[in-house]
N, C-alpha and C. Protein backbone atom coordinates (compact mmCIF):
# COMPACT_ATOMS: atom_id res chain seq x y z
N UNK A 1 -8.91 25.92 13.09
CA UNK A 1 -7.63 25.24 13.20
C UNK A 1 -6.84 25.45 11.91
N UNK A 2 -5.61 25.82 12.02
CA UNK A 2 -4.76 26.03 10.86
C UNK A 2 -4.05 24.72 10.50
N UNK A 3 -3.78 24.57 9.21
CA UNK A 3 -3.13 23.36 8.73
C UNK A 3 -1.65 23.34 9.11
N UNK A 4 -1.05 24.49 9.29
CA UNK A 4 0.36 24.52 9.65
C UNK A 4 0.53 24.77 11.15
N UNK A 5 1.58 24.17 11.70
CA UNK A 5 1.85 24.30 13.15
C UNK A 5 3.20 24.95 13.42
N UNK A 6 4.07 24.94 12.43
CA UNK A 6 5.45 25.44 12.53
C UNK A 6 6.34 24.55 13.41
N UNK A 7 5.79 23.48 13.98
CA UNK A 7 6.59 22.60 14.84
C UNK A 7 7.66 21.85 14.07
N UNK A 8 7.42 21.63 12.78
CA UNK A 8 8.38 20.88 11.97
C UNK A 8 9.42 21.74 11.31
N UNK A 9 9.40 23.03 11.58
CA UNK A 9 10.37 23.93 10.94
C UNK A 9 11.81 23.63 11.36
N UNK A 10 11.97 22.90 12.46
CA UNK A 10 13.32 22.55 12.90
C UNK A 10 13.80 21.23 12.30
N UNK A 11 13.01 20.67 11.37
CA UNK A 11 13.41 19.43 10.72
C UNK A 11 13.00 18.17 11.45
N UNK A 12 12.11 18.31 12.46
CA UNK A 12 11.62 17.13 13.18
C UNK A 12 10.12 16.98 12.92
N UNK A 13 9.63 15.81 13.25
CA UNK A 13 8.20 15.53 13.13
C UNK A 13 7.74 14.77 14.35
N UNK A 14 6.49 14.96 14.71
CA UNK A 14 5.93 14.28 15.87
C UNK A 14 5.46 12.88 15.52
N UNK A 15 5.60 11.99 16.49
CA UNK A 15 5.13 10.61 16.33
C UNK A 15 3.80 10.45 17.04
N UNK A 16 3.06 9.44 16.63
CA UNK A 16 1.80 9.09 17.28
C UNK A 16 2.10 8.68 18.72
N UNK A 17 1.35 9.17 19.66
CA UNK A 17 1.53 8.90 21.09
C UNK A 17 2.79 9.54 21.66
N UNK A 18 3.34 10.53 20.94
CA UNK A 18 4.43 11.31 21.50
C UNK A 18 5.80 10.98 20.98
N UNK A 19 6.66 11.95 21.16
CA UNK A 19 8.04 11.85 20.71
C UNK A 19 8.22 12.58 19.40
N UNK A 20 9.43 13.01 19.16
CA UNK A 20 9.80 13.69 17.91
C UNK A 20 11.06 13.05 17.37
N UNK A 21 11.13 12.98 16.06
CA UNK A 21 12.30 12.42 15.38
C UNK A 21 12.61 13.29 14.16
N UNK A 22 13.85 13.22 13.67
CA UNK A 22 14.17 13.94 12.43
C UNK A 22 13.27 13.45 11.28
N UNK A 23 12.87 14.36 10.44
CA UNK A 23 11.98 14.01 9.33
C UNK A 23 12.59 13.01 8.36
N UNK A 24 13.92 12.94 8.32
CA UNK A 24 14.56 12.01 7.40
C UNK A 24 15.01 10.72 8.08
N UNK A 25 14.51 10.47 9.30
CA UNK A 25 14.85 9.21 9.96
C UNK A 25 13.98 8.09 9.38
N UNK A 26 14.36 6.84 9.58
CA UNK A 26 13.68 5.72 8.92
C UNK A 26 12.17 5.66 9.13
N UNK A 27 11.70 5.97 10.30
CA UNK A 27 10.27 5.86 10.57
C UNK A 27 9.44 6.82 9.70
N UNK A 28 9.71 8.13 9.71
CA UNK A 28 8.93 9.02 8.84
C UNK A 28 9.18 8.79 7.35
N UNK A 29 10.37 8.35 6.99
CA UNK A 29 10.62 8.02 5.59
C UNK A 29 9.69 6.87 5.18
N UNK A 30 9.59 5.86 6.02
CA UNK A 30 8.75 4.70 5.70
C UNK A 30 7.27 5.07 5.63
N UNK A 31 6.76 5.78 6.65
CA UNK A 31 5.33 6.09 6.56
C UNK A 31 5.05 7.14 5.50
N UNK A 32 6.06 7.94 5.14
CA UNK A 32 5.89 8.87 4.03
C UNK A 32 5.76 8.13 2.70
N UNK A 33 6.53 7.08 2.54
CA UNK A 33 6.42 6.29 1.32
C UNK A 33 5.10 5.54 1.28
N UNK A 34 4.62 5.07 2.42
CA UNK A 34 3.30 4.42 2.47
C UNK A 34 2.21 5.44 2.12
N UNK A 35 2.36 6.68 2.59
CA UNK A 35 1.42 7.74 2.25
C UNK A 35 1.40 7.95 0.74
N UNK A 36 2.58 7.93 0.12
CA UNK A 36 2.67 8.04 -1.34
C UNK A 36 1.97 6.86 -2.02
N UNK A 37 2.15 5.67 -1.47
CA UNK A 37 1.48 4.49 -2.03
C UNK A 37 -0.03 4.64 -1.94
N UNK A 38 -0.50 5.14 -0.81
CA UNK A 38 -1.94 5.34 -0.64
C UNK A 38 -2.46 6.35 -1.66
N UNK A 39 -1.73 7.44 -1.86
CA UNK A 39 -2.15 8.44 -2.83
C UNK A 39 -2.15 7.86 -4.25
N UNK A 40 -1.18 7.01 -4.54
CA UNK A 40 -1.10 6.38 -5.85
C UNK A 40 -2.28 5.45 -6.08
N UNK A 41 -2.66 4.71 -5.05
CA UNK A 41 -3.87 3.89 -5.15
C UNK A 41 -5.09 4.78 -5.38
N UNK A 42 -5.09 5.95 -4.76
CA UNK A 42 -6.18 6.89 -4.96
C UNK A 42 -6.27 7.38 -6.40
N UNK A 43 -5.12 7.57 -7.04
CA UNK A 43 -5.12 7.97 -8.44
C UNK A 43 -5.71 6.85 -9.29
N UNK A 44 -5.34 5.61 -9.01
CA UNK A 44 -5.92 4.47 -9.73
C UNK A 44 -7.43 4.41 -9.49
N UNK A 45 -7.82 4.62 -8.26
CA UNK A 45 -9.25 4.58 -7.90
C UNK A 45 -10.03 5.67 -8.62
N UNK A 46 -9.41 6.83 -8.83
CA UNK A 46 -10.09 7.94 -9.50
C UNK A 46 -10.52 7.57 -10.91
N UNK A 47 -9.84 6.60 -11.51
CA UNK A 47 -10.19 6.16 -12.85
C UNK A 47 -11.22 5.05 -12.89
N UNK A 48 -11.62 4.56 -11.72
CA UNK A 48 -12.59 3.47 -11.64
C UNK A 48 -14.02 4.02 -11.58
N UNK A 49 -14.93 3.20 -11.98
CA UNK A 49 -16.34 3.55 -11.82
C UNK A 49 -16.69 3.46 -10.33
N UNK A 50 -17.29 4.52 -9.79
CA UNK A 50 -17.67 4.54 -8.37
C UNK A 50 -18.61 3.37 -8.05
N UNK A 51 -18.28 2.70 -6.97
CA UNK A 51 -19.09 1.58 -6.53
C UNK A 51 -18.72 0.26 -7.17
N UNK A 52 -17.81 0.28 -8.15
CA UNK A 52 -17.39 -0.98 -8.78
C UNK A 52 -16.61 -1.81 -7.77
N UNK A 53 -16.44 -3.07 -8.10
CA UNK A 53 -15.68 -3.94 -7.20
C UNK A 53 -14.26 -3.42 -7.00
N UNK A 54 -13.61 -2.99 -8.07
CA UNK A 54 -12.25 -2.48 -7.95
C UNK A 54 -12.22 -1.22 -7.08
N UNK A 55 -13.17 -0.34 -7.24
CA UNK A 55 -13.27 0.85 -6.41
C UNK A 55 -13.36 0.46 -4.93
N UNK A 56 -14.21 -0.49 -4.62
CA UNK A 56 -14.38 -0.92 -3.22
C UNK A 56 -13.10 -1.57 -2.68
N UNK A 57 -12.44 -2.36 -3.50
CA UNK A 57 -11.18 -2.98 -3.07
C UNK A 57 -10.15 -1.90 -2.75
N UNK A 58 -10.01 -0.93 -3.63
CA UNK A 58 -9.01 0.11 -3.45
C UNK A 58 -9.30 0.98 -2.22
N UNK A 59 -10.57 1.28 -1.98
CA UNK A 59 -10.92 2.04 -0.77
C UNK A 59 -10.50 1.26 0.47
N UNK A 60 -10.76 -0.03 0.49
CA UNK A 60 -10.36 -0.87 1.62
C UNK A 60 -8.86 -0.87 1.82
N UNK A 61 -8.11 -0.93 0.73
CA UNK A 61 -6.65 -0.92 0.83
C UNK A 61 -6.16 0.43 1.35
N UNK A 62 -6.79 1.51 0.90
CA UNK A 62 -6.40 2.83 1.39
C UNK A 62 -6.65 2.95 2.89
N UNK A 63 -7.74 2.39 3.36
CA UNK A 63 -8.00 2.37 4.80
C UNK A 63 -6.95 1.55 5.54
N UNK A 64 -6.60 0.40 4.99
CA UNK A 64 -5.55 -0.43 5.61
C UNK A 64 -4.23 0.33 5.73
N UNK A 65 -3.94 1.13 4.73
CA UNK A 65 -2.67 1.86 4.76
C UNK A 65 -2.67 2.94 5.84
N UNK A 66 -3.83 3.46 6.22
CA UNK A 66 -3.90 4.36 7.39
C UNK A 66 -3.43 3.61 8.63
N UNK A 67 -3.90 2.37 8.77
CA UNK A 67 -3.51 1.53 9.90
C UNK A 67 -2.00 1.34 9.90
N UNK A 68 -1.48 1.00 8.73
CA UNK A 68 -0.05 0.74 8.61
C UNK A 68 0.78 1.99 8.91
N UNK A 69 0.33 3.14 8.40
CA UNK A 69 1.06 4.38 8.68
C UNK A 69 1.04 4.71 10.16
N UNK A 70 -0.08 4.47 10.83
CA UNK A 70 -0.16 4.73 12.27
C UNK A 70 0.85 3.87 13.02
N UNK A 71 0.95 2.61 12.63
CA UNK A 71 1.92 1.73 13.30
C UNK A 71 3.35 2.22 13.07
N UNK A 72 3.66 2.57 11.84
CA UNK A 72 5.00 3.06 11.55
C UNK A 72 5.30 4.39 12.25
N UNK A 73 4.26 5.17 12.52
CA UNK A 73 4.44 6.48 13.15
C UNK A 73 4.47 6.40 14.68
N UNK A 74 4.55 5.19 15.22
CA UNK A 74 4.56 4.99 16.66
C UNK A 74 5.92 4.46 17.10
N UNK A 75 6.51 5.14 18.08
CA UNK A 75 7.80 4.70 18.62
C UNK A 75 7.62 3.35 19.32
N UNK A 76 8.65 2.51 19.31
CA UNK A 76 8.54 1.19 19.95
C UNK A 76 8.04 1.25 21.40
N UNK A 77 8.41 2.26 22.14
CA UNK A 77 7.99 2.37 23.53
C UNK A 77 6.50 2.62 23.71
N UNK A 78 5.82 3.01 22.65
CA UNK A 78 4.38 3.26 22.71
C UNK A 78 3.57 2.20 21.96
N UNK A 79 4.25 1.18 21.47
CA UNK A 79 3.58 0.13 20.69
C UNK A 79 2.44 -0.54 21.47
N UNK A 80 2.56 -0.62 22.78
CA UNK A 80 1.52 -1.26 23.59
C UNK A 80 0.19 -0.50 23.53
N UNK A 81 0.20 0.72 23.05
CA UNK A 81 -1.01 1.52 22.94
C UNK A 81 -1.79 1.25 21.65
N UNK A 82 -1.21 0.48 20.75
CA UNK A 82 -1.84 0.22 19.46
C UNK A 82 -2.88 -0.89 19.56
N UNK A 83 -3.87 -0.80 18.67
CA UNK A 83 -4.97 -1.75 18.63
C UNK A 83 -5.02 -2.40 17.25
N UNK A 84 -5.04 -3.73 17.22
CA UNK A 84 -5.08 -4.46 15.97
C UNK A 84 -6.21 -4.02 15.06
N UNK A 85 -5.88 -3.75 13.79
CA UNK A 85 -6.86 -3.34 12.80
C UNK A 85 -7.21 -1.87 12.83
N UNK A 86 -6.87 -1.20 13.91
CA UNK A 86 -7.15 0.23 14.03
C UNK A 86 -5.89 1.05 13.77
N UNK A 87 -4.80 0.68 14.40
CA UNK A 87 -3.53 1.36 14.18
C UNK A 87 -2.36 0.38 14.32
N UNK A 88 -2.66 -0.89 14.15
CA UNK A 88 -1.66 -1.96 14.21
C UNK A 88 -2.03 -3.01 13.16
N UNK A 89 -1.10 -3.33 12.27
CA UNK A 89 -1.35 -4.31 11.22
C UNK A 89 -1.37 -5.70 11.85
N UNK A 90 -2.37 -6.49 11.49
CA UNK A 90 -2.54 -7.83 12.05
C UNK A 90 -2.25 -8.90 10.98
N UNK A 91 -2.01 -10.10 11.45
CA UNK A 91 -1.80 -11.21 10.51
C UNK A 91 -3.08 -11.49 9.73
N UNK A 92 -4.25 -11.20 10.31
CA UNK A 92 -5.51 -11.35 9.57
C UNK A 92 -5.58 -10.41 8.37
N UNK A 93 -4.98 -9.23 8.51
CA UNK A 93 -4.96 -8.29 7.39
C UNK A 93 -4.10 -8.83 6.26
N UNK A 94 -2.99 -9.48 6.61
CA UNK A 94 -2.11 -10.09 5.61
C UNK A 94 -2.84 -11.25 4.94
N UNK A 95 -3.49 -12.08 5.74
CA UNK A 95 -4.24 -13.21 5.19
C UNK A 95 -5.35 -12.75 4.26
N UNK A 96 -6.01 -11.66 4.59
CA UNK A 96 -7.07 -11.12 3.74
C UNK A 96 -6.53 -10.72 2.37
N UNK A 97 -5.32 -10.19 2.35
CA UNK A 97 -4.71 -9.85 1.06
C UNK A 97 -4.42 -11.11 0.25
N UNK A 98 -3.91 -12.14 0.91
CA UNK A 98 -3.64 -13.40 0.21
C UNK A 98 -4.92 -13.98 -0.37
N UNK A 99 -5.99 -13.93 0.39
CA UNK A 99 -7.27 -14.44 -0.09
C UNK A 99 -7.78 -13.62 -1.28
N UNK A 100 -7.59 -12.31 -1.23
CA UNK A 100 -8.00 -11.44 -2.33
C UNK A 100 -7.18 -11.75 -3.58
N UNK A 101 -5.88 -11.94 -3.40
CA UNK A 101 -5.01 -12.28 -4.54
C UNK A 101 -5.49 -13.57 -5.18
N UNK A 102 -5.74 -14.60 -4.37
CA UNK A 102 -6.19 -15.89 -4.90
C UNK A 102 -7.52 -15.76 -5.63
N UNK A 103 -8.44 -15.00 -5.05
CA UNK A 103 -9.77 -14.81 -5.66
C UNK A 103 -9.65 -14.12 -7.01
N UNK A 104 -8.92 -13.01 -7.06
CA UNK A 104 -8.82 -12.24 -8.29
C UNK A 104 -8.01 -13.00 -9.34
N UNK A 105 -6.95 -13.67 -8.94
CA UNK A 105 -6.12 -14.42 -9.87
C UNK A 105 -6.92 -15.48 -10.62
N UNK A 106 -7.90 -16.08 -9.95
CA UNK A 106 -8.71 -17.12 -10.57
C UNK A 106 -9.64 -16.57 -11.66
N UNK A 107 -9.73 -15.26 -11.80
CA UNK A 107 -10.68 -14.65 -12.74
C UNK A 107 -10.11 -14.33 -14.11
N UNK A 108 -8.82 -14.50 -14.30
CA UNK A 108 -8.24 -14.15 -15.60
C UNK A 108 -7.09 -15.09 -15.92
N UNK A 109 -6.76 -15.12 -17.20
CA UNK A 109 -5.63 -15.93 -17.66
C UNK A 109 -4.34 -15.18 -17.32
N UNK A 110 -3.48 -15.85 -16.56
CA UNK A 110 -2.22 -15.22 -16.13
C UNK A 110 -1.27 -15.08 -17.31
N UNK A 111 -0.58 -13.95 -17.40
CA UNK A 111 0.45 -13.83 -18.44
C UNK A 111 1.58 -14.82 -18.17
N UNK A 112 2.18 -15.31 -19.21
CA UNK A 112 3.25 -16.28 -19.07
C UNK A 112 4.62 -15.65 -19.26
N UNK A 113 4.64 -14.37 -19.62
CA UNK A 113 5.89 -13.65 -19.81
C UNK A 113 5.76 -12.29 -19.14
N UNK A 114 6.84 -11.51 -19.18
CA UNK A 114 6.79 -10.17 -18.60
C UNK A 114 5.71 -9.34 -19.28
N UNK A 115 5.08 -8.48 -18.50
CA UNK A 115 4.01 -7.64 -19.00
C UNK A 115 4.56 -6.23 -19.19
N UNK A 116 4.20 -5.63 -20.29
CA UNK A 116 4.55 -4.23 -20.53
C UNK A 116 3.37 -3.39 -20.05
N UNK A 117 3.54 -2.61 -18.98
CA UNK A 117 2.42 -1.81 -18.47
C UNK A 117 1.94 -0.79 -19.50
N UNK A 118 0.66 -0.46 -19.41
CA UNK A 118 0.12 0.58 -20.26
C UNK A 118 -1.06 0.17 -21.11
N UNK A 119 -1.58 -1.02 -20.93
CA UNK A 119 -2.74 -1.45 -21.70
C UNK A 119 -3.99 -0.64 -21.33
N UNK A 120 -4.00 -0.12 -20.10
CA UNK A 120 -5.15 0.63 -19.58
C UNK A 120 -4.60 1.61 -18.55
N UNK A 121 -5.18 2.80 -18.47
CA UNK A 121 -4.67 3.83 -17.55
C UNK A 121 -4.76 3.36 -16.10
N UNK A 122 -5.87 2.80 -15.69
CA UNK A 122 -6.01 2.35 -14.30
C UNK A 122 -5.03 1.24 -14.00
N UNK A 123 -4.88 0.30 -14.91
CA UNK A 123 -3.92 -0.79 -14.71
C UNK A 123 -2.50 -0.24 -14.61
N UNK A 124 -2.16 0.73 -15.44
CA UNK A 124 -0.83 1.33 -15.38
C UNK A 124 -0.63 2.04 -14.04
N UNK A 125 -1.67 2.70 -13.53
CA UNK A 125 -1.58 3.36 -12.23
C UNK A 125 -1.40 2.34 -11.12
N UNK A 126 -2.03 1.19 -11.25
CA UNK A 126 -1.83 0.11 -10.28
C UNK A 126 -0.40 -0.42 -10.35
N UNK A 127 0.19 -0.44 -11.54
CA UNK A 127 1.59 -0.84 -11.66
C UNK A 127 2.51 0.18 -10.98
N UNK A 128 2.19 1.46 -11.11
CA UNK A 128 2.97 2.49 -10.40
C UNK A 128 2.81 2.29 -8.90
N UNK A 129 1.58 2.04 -8.46
CA UNK A 129 1.33 1.79 -7.03
C UNK A 129 2.15 0.60 -6.54
N UNK A 130 2.24 -0.44 -7.35
CA UNK A 130 3.03 -1.62 -6.98
C UNK A 130 4.48 -1.23 -6.74
N UNK A 131 5.02 -0.40 -7.61
CA UNK A 131 6.41 0.04 -7.44
C UNK A 131 6.59 0.87 -6.18
N UNK A 132 5.65 1.75 -5.90
CA UNK A 132 5.74 2.58 -4.69
C UNK A 132 5.61 1.71 -3.45
N UNK A 133 4.72 0.72 -3.50
CA UNK A 133 4.57 -0.19 -2.36
C UNK A 133 5.86 -0.98 -2.13
N UNK A 134 6.52 -1.40 -3.20
CA UNK A 134 7.80 -2.13 -3.05
C UNK A 134 8.83 -1.22 -2.38
N UNK A 135 8.85 0.07 -2.74
CA UNK A 135 9.78 0.99 -2.10
C UNK A 135 9.40 1.18 -0.64
N UNK A 136 8.10 1.25 -0.35
CA UNK A 136 7.65 1.36 1.05
C UNK A 136 8.10 0.14 1.85
N UNK A 137 8.05 -1.02 1.22
CA UNK A 137 8.51 -2.24 1.88
C UNK A 137 9.99 -2.14 2.23
N UNK A 138 10.79 -1.67 1.27
CA UNK A 138 12.22 -1.52 1.53
C UNK A 138 12.47 -0.49 2.63
N UNK A 139 11.71 0.61 2.59
CA UNK A 139 11.86 1.64 3.63
C UNK A 139 11.45 1.11 5.00
N UNK A 140 10.41 0.30 5.04
CA UNK A 140 9.93 -0.25 6.32
C UNK A 140 10.96 -1.19 6.93
N UNK A 141 11.76 -1.83 6.10
CA UNK A 141 12.81 -2.71 6.61
C UNK A 141 13.86 -1.95 7.41
N UNK A 142 13.99 -0.66 7.15
CA UNK A 142 14.99 0.16 7.84
C UNK A 142 14.50 0.66 9.20
N UNK A 143 13.20 0.49 9.48
CA UNK A 143 12.65 0.91 10.77
C UNK A 143 13.10 -0.08 11.83
N UNK A 144 13.65 0.43 12.88
CA UNK A 144 14.19 -0.41 13.94
C UNK A 144 13.12 -0.71 14.99
N UNK A 145 12.26 -1.69 14.70
CA UNK A 145 11.25 -2.10 15.67
C UNK A 145 11.84 -3.17 16.57
N UNK A 146 11.48 -3.12 17.83
CA UNK A 146 12.05 -4.05 18.80
C UNK A 146 11.40 -5.42 18.76
N UNK A 147 10.25 -5.51 18.14
CA UNK A 147 9.59 -6.82 18.03
C UNK A 147 9.07 -6.98 16.61
N UNK A 148 8.85 -8.20 16.16
CA UNK A 148 8.36 -8.44 14.80
C UNK A 148 6.98 -7.80 14.59
N UNK A 149 6.78 -7.30 13.38
CA UNK A 149 5.49 -6.70 13.03
C UNK A 149 4.99 -7.35 11.74
N UNK A 150 3.78 -7.01 11.39
CA UNK A 150 3.19 -7.50 10.14
C UNK A 150 3.29 -6.46 9.03
N UNK A 151 4.01 -5.36 9.28
CA UNK A 151 4.11 -4.29 8.30
C UNK A 151 4.75 -4.78 7.00
N UNK A 152 5.91 -5.39 7.08
CA UNK A 152 6.61 -5.83 5.87
C UNK A 152 5.83 -6.94 5.14
N UNK A 153 5.32 -7.97 5.83
CA UNK A 153 4.51 -8.96 5.12
C UNK A 153 3.29 -8.33 4.44
N UNK A 154 2.65 -7.35 5.11
CA UNK A 154 1.49 -6.70 4.50
C UNK A 154 1.91 -5.99 3.22
N UNK A 155 2.97 -5.21 3.27
CA UNK A 155 3.42 -4.48 2.08
C UNK A 155 3.85 -5.44 0.97
N UNK A 156 4.48 -6.55 1.34
CA UNK A 156 4.87 -7.55 0.35
C UNK A 156 3.65 -8.09 -0.38
N UNK A 157 2.61 -8.46 0.36
CA UNK A 157 1.39 -8.98 -0.27
C UNK A 157 0.67 -7.90 -1.04
N UNK A 158 0.68 -6.67 -0.53
CA UNK A 158 0.00 -5.58 -1.22
C UNK A 158 0.61 -5.34 -2.60
N UNK A 159 1.92 -5.41 -2.70
CA UNK A 159 2.53 -5.22 -4.02
C UNK A 159 2.09 -6.34 -4.97
N UNK A 160 1.99 -7.56 -4.46
CA UNK A 160 1.49 -8.67 -5.28
C UNK A 160 0.04 -8.42 -5.70
N UNK A 161 -0.74 -7.90 -4.78
CA UNK A 161 -2.14 -7.62 -5.09
C UNK A 161 -2.25 -6.50 -6.13
N UNK A 162 -1.42 -5.48 -6.03
CA UNK A 162 -1.46 -4.41 -7.04
C UNK A 162 -1.17 -4.98 -8.43
N UNK A 163 -0.17 -5.87 -8.53
CA UNK A 163 0.13 -6.51 -9.82
C UNK A 163 -1.08 -7.31 -10.30
N UNK A 164 -1.66 -8.06 -9.40
CA UNK A 164 -2.81 -8.90 -9.75
C UNK A 164 -3.99 -8.05 -10.20
N UNK A 165 -4.28 -6.98 -9.47
CA UNK A 165 -5.39 -6.10 -9.84
C UNK A 165 -5.16 -5.44 -11.19
N UNK A 166 -3.90 -5.07 -11.48
CA UNK A 166 -3.59 -4.47 -12.77
C UNK A 166 -3.85 -5.45 -13.91
N UNK A 167 -3.43 -6.69 -13.73
CA UNK A 167 -3.64 -7.69 -14.78
C UNK A 167 -5.13 -8.00 -14.93
N UNK A 168 -5.85 -8.05 -13.81
CA UNK A 168 -7.30 -8.29 -13.84
C UNK A 168 -7.99 -7.16 -14.57
N UNK A 169 -7.61 -5.94 -14.24
CA UNK A 169 -8.21 -4.76 -14.89
C UNK A 169 -7.96 -4.83 -16.39
N UNK A 170 -6.74 -5.15 -16.79
CA UNK A 170 -6.45 -5.25 -18.22
C UNK A 170 -7.31 -6.32 -18.88
N UNK A 171 -7.49 -7.43 -18.19
CA UNK A 171 -8.27 -8.53 -18.79
C UNK A 171 -9.74 -8.16 -18.92
N UNK A 172 -10.25 -7.33 -18.02
CA UNK A 172 -11.67 -6.97 -18.09
C UNK A 172 -11.93 -5.77 -18.98
N UNK A 173 -11.00 -4.83 -19.04
CA UNK A 173 -11.21 -3.61 -19.84
C UNK A 173 -10.72 -3.80 -21.26
N UNK A 174 -9.52 -4.35 -21.41
CA UNK A 174 -8.93 -4.53 -22.72
C UNK A 174 -9.44 -5.82 -23.35
N UNK A 175 -9.63 -6.84 -22.51
CA UNK A 175 -10.15 -8.13 -22.95
C UNK A 175 -9.09 -8.98 -23.62
N UNK A 176 -9.43 -10.23 -23.78
CA UNK A 176 -8.54 -11.15 -24.46
C UNK A 176 -7.42 -11.64 -23.57
N UNK A 177 -6.53 -12.34 -24.20
CA UNK A 177 -5.41 -12.95 -23.48
C UNK A 177 -4.28 -11.95 -23.31
N UNK A 178 -3.85 -11.77 -22.10
CA UNK A 178 -2.72 -10.88 -21.84
C UNK A 178 -1.43 -11.50 -22.34
N UNK A 179 -1.37 -12.80 -22.35
CA UNK A 179 -0.15 -13.47 -22.78
C UNK A 179 0.22 -13.09 -24.21
N UNK A 180 -0.79 -12.84 -25.04
CA UNK A 180 -0.49 -12.50 -26.43
C UNK A 180 0.09 -11.10 -26.56
N UNK A 181 -0.06 -10.25 -25.53
CA UNK A 181 0.48 -8.90 -25.57
C UNK A 181 1.76 -8.78 -24.74
N UNK A 182 2.15 -9.85 -24.08
CA UNK A 182 3.37 -9.82 -23.24
C UNK A 182 4.59 -9.84 -24.13
N UNK A 183 5.69 -9.29 -23.61
CA UNK A 183 6.92 -9.33 -24.40
C UNK A 183 7.95 -10.16 -23.69
């Protein structure tokens, strides 16, 4: 099987379960930005020790983003074909992020002022991921879905989790109070 199909040479892309849309339409723009967010999380993960808690968290998030991309890549008329947790974001997935944020937040002293990214390479990569996720959230808002989805709430919580994981990483790798390094 070849990696190229030439089907997109006309400026369109195929959707999951059928249909084609222009590559610059809101749906592919949104799942393309989510793909970028997933890759950015992968860059952060590459700096983690394999098997560490942060590594496992990031792998789980990358898997979740496959689900989210599948949902965004499906036309509204085919939404009934999606399965929760497999290719449809569920409210349980959003709740799981909230629980993870609460758990990790309890492990370090929260900064009381703005944080200047860069205390640690992995933490800085998580800050970049947070920014990409925020852009994915904005792009997802432009997708014209006929019914409410959990895509935007998931991306909103994920950006919060990326910030939280970055601060946690800084507190464990760099050590000490982050508040003293905030500006």
